[in-house]
Amino acid sequence: MLYPLKFKPIYKEKIWGGNKLKTILNKDFGELPNCGESWEISSVEGDESVVANGFLEGNTLSEIIEIYMSDLVGEKVYEKFGLEFPLLIKFIDANDFLSIQVHPNDKLAKERHHAFGKTEMWYVIHADKGAELISGFNKTINKESYLKNLKNKTLKNILNNIKVISGDVFFIPAGRVHAIGEGILLAEIQQTSDVTYRIYDWDRLDAQGQSRELHTELALDALNFEMCENPKENYNILKNEKSNIVKCEYFTTNIIEFNKPIQKDYNNIDSFVIYMCLEGNVSICYNEKIETLKIGETILIPAELKELVLKPKNSAKILEIYIS
C-alpha cells in the first residue's frame, strides 16, 4: 500500500535569490548563495524528484509512477501523461525582480520544444512592505507598440504593476507577460515545463559580467497583447473547510486554514493530491498511520489513498492541489 510521499527539495541558485526559504520556510539549502527556488516535486529531465521517506526512499518520481501507475497518480492522469508527472511544484524567493517573461501555450511549446506549455499560479506567502509584481498588460497593444516600448526600455509603463500582500493569488495563463518582484516569497504551481522566454532582464549582469540571454523573437508569438483587467484572483476563506482559489484544466488549488481536525474524502477525485504547508504543523492520519507535515514542506498523497484526517498541532494553513 502506498503512503504520503515526501521528496528531497531541489535548490536553485538564482541571480535574484535571497534567504527567505531559510528564514521563513525553514529550508536547509546549506551554503548555497542566492537560493531563489526550491523545487518540491518535479519530473523535469535532469531535475527529477527523489523520494525522501518510507520504503520508496531513493527512488525517482518516474520510477515510482512506472511501478504504481494509476494507484499513484490516478487513471486519467496516467493515461494522459504516462511516466511524466504533470505538475511542477515550487517555492520561490525573489530578493530582486525576476526577468519580465512569458511562457508558450501547449501548441507552441510542442511545435518548438516537444514540451508542454506553462500555465501557472502564485500564492504569496510573504511580501515585504511595498513589494510589487507584474501580471499582464495594462492596456491592449499591438506588436509594434510592444517592440517600441521594449527598445526604449519603457516596457514597465504598459504592464500591470501590482502591490502585493500575503495571501494574494495570481493565475498566470500561458501567454501572459509577468514577473515576480523584490521581497516576495511565494508558492508556484505550474504545468511540468521549463520553457521560459525572457523578455527583459533590467539590464543586469551576472557574476561574469554577462547579460542573460533574451528571447525577443520567440516571445512575440507567445504573448497575449490583450489588456489584463483583473490580474489578482478574488476568493473567500472558509475556516476549517477548503476554499477554492484557482481552478483550470491543468490543476485545481484550494487553501485550507484550520484549527481542528478535518476529514478528507477523495473518492470522487481521480488524481493524486499535493499539500504544501504554509503555516503550522499538521498530522496526516491514514490507515491507522501518521505522517507529519510542517511549514515549508510538501507532500504527495497517492491517488489510491481516498480517506484521511488532517490534524493541526494548533492552527495550520495548507494548499491542496490536484487535477480535476
Protein backbone atom coordinates (compact mmCIF):
# COMPACT_ATOMS: atom_id res chain seq x y z
CA MET A 1 0.00 0.00 0.00
CA LEU A 2 1.28 3.43 -0.90
CA TYR A 3 1.73 6.20 1.66
CA PRO A 4 2.12 10.02 1.70
CA LEU A 5 5.39 10.74 -0.12
CA LYS A 6 7.94 13.41 0.68
CA PHE A 7 10.72 14.34 -1.73
CA LYS A 8 14.17 15.87 -1.38
CA PRO A 9 13.92 19.55 -2.35
CA ILE A 10 16.00 20.62 -5.36
CA TYR A 11 17.52 24.00 -4.56
CA LYS A 12 18.35 26.51 -7.30
CA GLU A 13 20.81 29.37 -7.08
CA LYS A 14 19.43 32.44 -8.88
CA ILE A 15 20.86 35.88 -9.59
CA TRP A 16 17.74 37.30 -7.90
CA GLY A 17 17.54 34.81 -5.00
CA GLY A 18 17.63 35.53 -1.26
CA ASN A 19 17.33 33.77 2.10
CA LYS A 20 13.58 33.69 2.87
CA LEU A 21 13.35 29.99 2.01
CA LYS A 22 15.56 29.50 5.08
CA THR A 23 14.30 32.25 7.42
CA ILE A 24 10.55 31.82 6.79
CA LEU A 25 10.10 28.27 5.46
CA ASN A 26 12.94 26.67 7.47
CA LYS A 27 14.60 25.23 4.36
CA ASP A 28 18.15 23.95 4.74
CA PHE A 29 19.98 24.72 1.49
CA GLY A 30 23.40 24.81 3.13
CA GLU A 31 25.84 27.43 1.88
CA LEU A 32 24.16 27.94 -1.49
CA PRO A 33 24.28 31.70 -2.19
CA ASN A 34 21.19 33.48 -3.50
CA CYS A 35 18.87 30.48 -3.25
CA GLY A 36 15.87 31.52 -5.32
CA GLU A 37 13.88 28.32 -5.78
CA SER A 38 13.06 25.07 -4.02
CA TRP A 39 11.65 22.54 -6.49
CA GLU A 40 9.42 20.46 -4.26
CA ILE A 41 8.02 17.96 -6.78
CA SER A 42 9.47 17.73 -10.28
CA SER A 43 9.75 15.32 -13.17
CA VAL A 44 11.67 17.80 -15.35
CA GLU A 45 14.53 15.94 -17.06
CA GLY A 46 17.74 16.50 -15.13
CA ASP A 47 15.82 17.78 -12.10
CA GLU A 48 13.73 14.80 -11.08
CA SER A 49 12.48 14.50 -7.52
CA VAL A 50 13.73 11.66 -5.32
CA VAL A 51 11.63 10.15 -2.52
CA ALA A 52 12.87 11.12 0.97
CA ASN A 53 10.71 8.94 3.26
CA GLY A 54 9.48 5.39 3.72
CA PHE A 55 10.36 2.20 1.86
CA LEU A 56 10.49 4.01 -1.51
CA GLU A 57 13.24 6.35 -0.30
CA GLY A 58 15.85 6.91 -3.02
CA ASN A 59 13.52 6.17 -5.93
CA THR A 60 12.81 8.86 -8.51
CA LEU A 61 9.32 10.13 -9.25
CA SER A 62 9.19 8.48 -12.69
CA GLU A 63 10.39 5.16 -11.22
CA ILE A 64 7.54 5.02 -8.73
CA ILE A 65 5.00 6.10 -11.38
CA GLU A 66 6.26 3.23 -13.55
CA ILE A 67 5.69 0.79 -10.69
CA TYR A 68 2.41 2.08 -9.25
CA MET A 69 0.89 3.85 -12.28
CA SER A 70 -2.72 4.90 -11.65
CA ASP A 71 -2.54 3.90 -7.97
CA LEU A 72 -0.13 6.81 -7.55
CA VAL A 73 -1.40 9.47 -9.97
CA GLY A 74 -4.94 8.42 -10.93
CA GLU A 75 -6.25 6.63 -14.02
CA LYS A 76 -6.95 9.69 -16.19
CA VAL A 77 -3.64 11.30 -15.28
CA TYR A 78 -1.69 8.13 -16.09
CA GLU A 79 -3.49 7.65 -19.40
CA LYS A 80 -2.65 11.22 -20.44
CA PHE A 81 0.86 11.72 -19.05
CA GLY A 82 2.35 8.25 -18.58
CA LEU A 83 5.58 8.39 -16.59
CA GLU A 84 5.78 12.20 -16.67
CA PHE A 85 4.31 13.86 -13.60
CA PRO A 86 2.06 16.67 -14.89
CA LEU A 87 2.83 19.39 -12.32
CA LEU A 88 5.96 21.19 -11.17
CA ILE A 89 5.68 22.45 -7.59
CA LYS A 90 7.98 25.16 -6.24
CA PHE A 91 8.65 27.70 -3.54
CA ILE A 92 10.23 30.90 -4.93
CA ASP A 93 12.08 33.65 -3.04
CA ALA A 94 12.69 36.84 -5.01
CA ASN A 95 15.27 39.16 -3.42
CA ASP A 96 15.25 41.18 -6.66
CA PHE A 97 12.90 41.44 -9.64
CA LEU A 98 12.87 38.36 -11.85
CA SER A 99 13.12 39.00 -15.57
CA ILE A 100 9.97 40.05 -17.39
CA GLN A 101 8.96 36.87 -19.18
CA VAL A 102 6.26 34.83 -20.88
CA HIS A 103 5.58 31.13 -21.35
CA PRO A 104 4.24 29.49 -24.53
CA ASN A 105 0.97 27.55 -24.65
CA ASP A 106 0.80 23.80 -25.28
CA LYS A 107 0.57 24.12 -29.08
CA LEU A 108 3.56 26.43 -29.43
CA ALA A 109 5.67 24.55 -26.87
CA LYS A 110 5.01 21.25 -28.61
CA GLU A 111 5.93 22.67 -32.03
CA ARG A 112 9.13 24.34 -30.84
CA HIS A 113 10.37 22.31 -27.89
CA HIS A 114 8.45 18.99 -27.87
CA ALA A 115 7.30 20.10 -24.42
CA PHE A 116 4.17 21.15 -22.58
CA GLY A 117 3.29 24.82 -22.31
CA LYS A 118 3.31 26.55 -18.97
CA THR A 119 0.21 27.82 -17.24
CA GLU A 120 0.93 28.59 -13.60
CA MET A 121 -0.34 30.24 -10.43
CA TRP A 122 1.22 32.04 -7.48
CA TYR A 123 0.20 32.13 -3.84
CA VAL A 124 2.03 34.93 -1.99
CA ILE A 125 3.30 33.60 1.34
CA HIS A 126 5.18 36.74 2.38
CA ALA A 127 5.66 40.19 0.85
CA ASP A 128 7.90 42.94 2.16
CA LYS A 129 6.17 46.30 2.56
CA GLY A 130 5.64 47.89 -0.85
CA ALA A 131 6.55 44.73 -2.80
CA GLU A 132 5.23 44.57 -6.35
CA LEU A 133 4.85 42.07 -9.13
CA ILE A 134 3.87 42.27 -12.80
CA SER A 135 0.98 40.41 -14.44
CA GLY A 136 -0.34 41.28 -17.90
CA PHE A 137 -0.60 44.45 -19.97
CA ASN A 138 -2.47 47.46 -18.55
CA LYS A 139 -3.98 48.18 -21.98
CA THR A 140 -4.45 46.30 -25.24
CA ILE A 141 -1.49 46.89 -27.52
CA ASN A 142 -0.05 45.58 -30.79
CA LYS A 143 3.34 44.09 -31.62
CA GLU A 144 4.69 47.38 -32.95
CA SER A 145 3.86 49.29 -29.77
CA TYR A 146 5.24 46.47 -27.64
CA LEU A 147 8.54 46.37 -29.54
CA LYS A 148 8.88 50.15 -29.35
CA ASN A 149 8.48 50.08 -25.55
CA LEU A 150 10.91 47.18 -25.33
CA LYS A 151 13.52 49.05 -27.37
CA ASN A 152 13.04 52.25 -25.35
CA LYS A 153 13.17 50.37 -22.03
CA THR A 154 9.71 51.66 -21.11
CA LEU A 155 8.06 48.23 -21.05
CA LYS A 156 7.08 48.59 -17.39
CA ASN A 157 4.86 51.56 -18.32
CA ILE A 158 2.45 49.31 -20.25
CA LEU A 159 2.34 46.50 -17.67
CA ASN A 160 0.17 45.93 -14.60
CA ASN A 161 2.43 46.73 -11.64
CA ILE A 162 0.59 45.40 -8.60
CA LYS A 163 1.41 45.95 -4.92
CA VAL A 164 1.01 42.63 -3.11
CA ILE A 165 0.46 41.34 0.42
CA SER A 166 0.48 37.90 1.99
CA GLY A 167 -2.43 35.78 0.75
CA ASP A 168 -2.67 37.35 -2.72
CA VAL A 169 -3.24 34.86 -5.54
CA PHE A 170 -2.36 35.28 -9.21
CA PHE A 171 -3.30 32.98 -12.10
CA ILE A 172 -0.82 33.24 -14.97
CA PRO A 173 -2.13 31.52 -18.11
CA ALA A 174 0.36 30.76 -20.88
CA GLY A 175 0.85 33.92 -22.94
CA ARG A 176 0.56 36.41 -20.06
CA VAL A 177 3.61 38.60 -19.50
CA HIS A 178 4.72 38.52 -15.86
CA ALA A 179 7.50 38.99 -13.31
CA ILE A 180 7.83 38.36 -9.57
CA GLY A 181 9.15 41.41 -7.72
CA GLU A 182 11.65 42.04 -4.96
CA GLY A 183 10.72 40.96 -1.43
CA ILE A 184 8.20 38.28 -2.39
CA LEU A 185 8.12 34.66 -1.20
CA LEU A 186 5.52 32.52 -2.95
CA ALA A 187 4.31 29.04 -3.80
CA GLU A 188 4.14 28.28 -7.52
CA ILE A 189 2.03 25.54 -9.10
CA GLN A 190 2.59 25.02 -12.81
CA GLN A 191 2.48 22.59 -15.68
CA THR A 192 5.59 20.44 -15.97
CA SER A 193 7.62 22.61 -18.30
CA ASP A 194 10.84 24.55 -18.01
CA VAL A 195 10.26 26.66 -21.14
CA THR A 196 10.56 30.38 -20.41
CA TYR A 197 11.01 33.27 -22.82
CA ARG A 198 12.93 36.06 -21.16
CA ILE A 199 11.81 39.45 -22.50
CA TYR A 200 13.68 41.99 -20.39
CA ASP A 201 16.20 41.47 -17.58
CA TRP A 202 16.58 45.01 -16.20
CA ASP A 203 19.99 45.38 -17.93
CA ARG A 204 21.69 43.47 -15.12
CA LEU A 205 24.86 41.41 -15.48
CA ASP A 206 25.76 38.07 -13.94
CA ALA A 207 28.86 37.33 -11.84
CA GLN A 208 30.92 37.06 -15.04
CA GLY A 209 29.74 40.46 -16.27
CA GLN A 210 27.49 38.93 -18.90
CA SER A 211 23.86 39.69 -19.74
CA ARG A 212 21.46 36.76 -19.65
CA GLU A 213 20.01 35.64 -22.96
CA LEU A 214 16.81 37.32 -24.14
CA HIS A 215 14.19 35.64 -26.33
CA THR A 216 12.65 38.62 -28.13
CA GLU A 217 11.60 36.83 -31.32
CA LEU A 218 10.38 33.65 -29.63
CA ALA A 219 8.28 35.69 -27.18
CA LEU A 220 6.44 37.62 -29.91
CA ASP A 221 4.31 34.66 -31.00
CA ALA A 222 3.71 33.56 -27.42
CA LEU A 223 2.47 36.87 -25.98
CA ASN A 224 -1.17 37.75 -25.42
CA PHE A 225 -1.32 41.50 -26.14
CA GLU A 226 -4.84 41.96 -24.75
CA MET A 227 -5.40 44.09 -21.66
CA CYS A 228 -5.43 42.10 -18.41
CA GLU A 229 -8.15 43.80 -16.35
CA ASN A 230 -8.22 41.62 -13.21
CA PRO A 231 -4.80 40.08 -12.62
CA LYS A 232 -5.48 39.23 -8.96
CA GLU A 233 -7.81 36.35 -8.02
CA ASN A 234 -10.66 37.02 -5.61
CA TYR A 235 -11.51 34.35 -3.07
CA ASN A 236 -13.04 33.90 0.37
CA ILE A 237 -11.55 31.89 3.21
CA LEU A 238 -13.86 29.38 4.88
CA LYS A 239 -12.32 28.42 8.22
CA ASN A 240 -11.89 24.65 8.67
CA GLU A 241 -13.04 23.99 5.11
CA LYS A 242 -11.35 24.08 1.73
CA SER A 243 -11.60 27.37 -0.17
CA ASN A 244 -11.01 27.26 -3.92
CA ILE A 245 -8.51 29.82 -5.20
CA VAL A 246 -7.75 28.58 -8.75
CA LYS A 247 -9.43 26.03 -10.99
CA CYS A 248 -8.28 25.39 -14.56
CA GLU A 249 -7.83 22.44 -16.91
CA TYR A 250 -4.30 21.84 -15.61
CA PHE A 251 -4.84 21.96 -11.85
CA THR A 252 -7.21 22.86 -9.04
CA THR A 253 -5.79 24.65 -6.00
CA ASN A 254 -7.62 25.12 -2.71
CA ILE A 255 -6.47 26.72 0.52
CA ILE A 256 -7.31 25.20 3.89
CA GLU A 257 -6.99 27.24 7.10
CA PHE A 258 -7.91 25.10 10.09
CA ASN A 259 -7.58 24.78 13.84
CA LYS A 260 -9.39 21.46 14.30
CA PRO A 261 -9.24 18.04 12.60
CA ILE A 262 -10.63 17.81 9.06
CA GLN A 263 -11.74 14.62 7.36
CA LYS A 264 -10.82 14.38 3.68
CA ASP A 265 -12.67 12.13 1.26
CA TYR A 266 -11.17 11.91 -2.24
CA ASN A 267 -13.38 9.14 -3.63
CA ASN A 268 -14.74 11.50 -6.27
CA ILE A 269 -11.27 12.68 -7.41
CA ASP A 270 -9.30 10.59 -9.91
CA SER A 271 -5.99 12.23 -9.09
CA PHE A 272 -3.08 12.44 -6.71
CA VAL A 273 -3.31 15.27 -4.14
CA ILE A 274 -0.47 17.57 -3.07
CA TYR A 275 -0.28 19.50 0.18
CA MET A 276 2.07 22.48 0.59
CA CYS A 277 2.33 23.63 4.20
CA LEU A 278 2.38 27.43 4.51
CA GLU A 279 1.89 27.75 8.27
CA GLY A 280 1.91 25.44 11.25
CA ASN A 281 2.30 21.71 11.72
CA VAL A 282 -0.12 19.00 10.52
CA SER A 283 -0.54 15.29 11.23
CA ILE A 284 -1.85 13.31 8.24
CA CYS A 285 -3.70 10.28 9.56
CA TYR A 286 -4.29 7.40 7.12
CA ASN A 287 -4.82 3.63 7.51
CA GLU A 288 -4.07 3.91 11.26
CA LYS A 289 -0.72 5.52 10.46
CA ILE A 290 0.55 9.10 10.75
CA GLU A 291 2.81 11.28 8.60
CA THR A 292 3.73 14.80 9.68
CA LEU A 293 3.84 17.92 7.54
CA LYS A 294 5.37 21.17 8.77
CA ILE A 295 5.83 24.68 7.39
CA GLY A 296 7.87 24.69 4.18
CA GLU A 297 7.22 21.02 3.43
CA THR A 298 5.32 19.47 0.53
CA ILE A 299 3.78 16.00 0.40
CA LEU A 300 2.19 13.89 -2.33
CA ILE A 301 -0.90 11.88 -1.40
CA PRO A 302 -1.22 8.90 -3.79
CA ALA A 303 -4.49 8.59 -5.70
CA GLU A 304 -5.30 5.28 -4.01
CA LEU A 305 -5.41 6.96 -0.57
CA LYS A 306 -9.00 8.16 -0.64
CA GLU A 307 -9.73 8.89 3.02
CA LEU A 308 -7.57 10.60 5.62
CA VAL A 309 -7.75 13.06 8.51
CA LEU A 310 -5.72 16.26 8.81
CA LYS A 311 -4.95 17.29 12.39
CA PRO A 312 -3.28 20.67 13.02
CA LYS A 313 -1.00 20.98 16.05
CA ASN A 314 -2.63 24.32 16.88
CA SER A 315 -3.62 26.00 13.66
CA ALA A 316 -2.29 25.49 10.13
CA LYS A 317 -2.59 26.70 6.57
CA ILE A 318 -2.00 24.44 3.57
CA LEU A 319 -2.51 24.48 -0.17
CA GLU A 320 -4.38 21.48 -1.59
CA ILE A 321 -3.63 20.73 -5.25
CA TYR A 322 -5.00 18.11 -7.65
CA ILE A 323 -6.17 17.61 -11.21
CA SER A 324 -9.95 17.73 -11.70
